[in-house]
Protein backbone atom coordinates (compact mmCIF):
# COMPACT_ATOMS: atom_id res chain seq x y z
CA MET A 1 -6.94 -4.37 -15.85
CA ILE A 2 -4.43 -4.44 -13.00
CA GLU A 3 -5.23 -4.06 -9.33
CA ASN A 4 -1.98 -2.88 -7.80
CA THR A 5 -0.78 -3.68 -4.28
CA VAL A 6 -0.84 -0.02 -3.17
CA PRO A 7 -2.40 1.99 -1.70
CA ALA A 8 -3.70 -0.35 0.97
CA PRO A 9 -6.07 -1.97 1.48
CA ASP A 10 -7.47 -2.40 -2.05
CA GLY A 11 -4.80 -0.95 -4.35
CA ALA A 12 -5.15 1.33 -7.33
CA ARG A 13 -6.83 0.04 -10.49
CA PHE A 14 -5.25 0.46 -13.91
CA ALA A 15 -7.36 -0.18 -17.00
CA GLY A 16 -6.27 -0.41 -20.62
CA GLN A 17 -3.05 -1.46 -22.27
CA ALA A 18 -1.26 1.89 -21.96
CA ALA A 19 -1.99 2.24 -18.24
CA CYS A 20 -1.00 -1.37 -17.46
CA VAL A 21 2.22 -1.27 -19.50
CA GLY A 22 3.06 2.10 -17.92
CA LEU A 23 2.70 0.68 -14.42
CA TRP A 24 4.87 -2.38 -15.14
CA THR A 25 7.48 -0.27 -16.93
CA ALA A 26 7.78 2.03 -13.92
CA ILE A 27 8.16 -0.94 -11.56
CA ALA A 28 10.51 -3.01 -13.75
CA THR A 29 12.91 -0.19 -14.61
CA GLN A 30 13.41 1.21 -11.11
CA ALA A 31 17.19 1.17 -10.56
CA GLY A 32 18.51 -1.14 -7.84
CA THR A 33 15.35 -3.25 -7.49
CA ARG A 34 14.49 -6.73 -8.71
CA PHE A 35 11.82 -9.41 -8.67
CA ASP A 36 12.59 -13.05 -8.00
CA ILE A 37 9.92 -15.51 -9.11
CA GLU A 38 9.40 -18.09 -6.38
CA GLU A 39 6.66 -20.18 -8.00
CA THR A 40 4.39 -20.11 -11.04
CA PHE A 41 1.27 -22.22 -11.38
CA VAL A 42 -0.95 -22.26 -14.49
CA ALA A 43 -4.37 -23.90 -14.81
CA GLY A 44 -6.33 -23.21 -17.96
CA ASP A 45 -6.78 -19.45 -18.36
CA ARG A 46 -5.54 -18.70 -14.81
CA ALA A 47 -2.03 -18.19 -13.47
CA THR A 48 -0.67 -17.67 -9.98
CA ILE A 49 2.79 -16.13 -9.62
CA ARG A 50 4.44 -15.99 -6.20
CA TRP A 51 7.33 -13.50 -6.06
CA ARG A 52 9.74 -11.58 -3.87
CA TYR A 53 10.57 -7.94 -4.57
CA PHE A 54 13.95 -6.57 -3.46
CA MET A 55 14.06 -2.80 -2.87
CA THR A 56 16.97 -0.37 -3.07
CA ASP A 57 17.30 -0.19 0.73
CA GLY A 58 18.01 -3.94 0.99
CA ASN A 59 14.56 -4.82 2.30
CA SER A 60 12.20 -7.14 0.47
CA LEU A 61 8.58 -8.14 0.45
CA ARG A 62 6.70 -11.15 -0.79
CA GLY A 63 3.58 -11.15 -2.86
CA VAL A 64 1.42 -12.97 -5.35
CA ASN A 65 -0.24 -12.05 -8.63
CA LEU A 66 -3.44 -13.74 -9.77
CA MET A 67 -3.82 -13.48 -13.54
CA ARG A 68 -6.37 -14.34 -16.18
CA VAL A 69 -5.31 -14.86 -19.79
CA ALA A 70 -7.39 -14.73 -22.98
CA ASP A 71 -6.10 -15.18 -26.53
CA GLY A 72 -2.51 -15.35 -25.25
CA ARG A 73 -2.70 -12.01 -23.43
CA ILE A 74 -3.04 -11.05 -19.79
CA VAL A 75 -6.49 -9.52 -19.43
CA GLU A 76 -6.68 -9.27 -15.66
CA ALA A 77 -4.05 -9.14 -12.93
CA MET A 78 -4.52 -8.67 -9.21
CA GLY A 79 -1.48 -8.18 -6.96
CA TYR A 80 -1.31 -8.86 -3.24
CA VAL A 81 1.55 -8.47 -0.76
CA LYS A 82 2.25 -10.14 2.53
CA GLY A 83 1.62 -7.54 5.19
């Protein structure tokens, strides 16, 4: 499951492998954009990833993903952006 950062305030929920991979594929392949990882912290089955997303118009935003991992796979991810 992924809780996306949009629409505000709670974000859309994506459940299942196909839906989650589809969301990340759409984000990661958007021409002219990029993510920079600012910090990653892992503790047991939890991970926190702080990032900055650069958009095609030159603007950027910062956010964080909170993830839970089981059996080597991401099973839950919640994304938040600095507003």
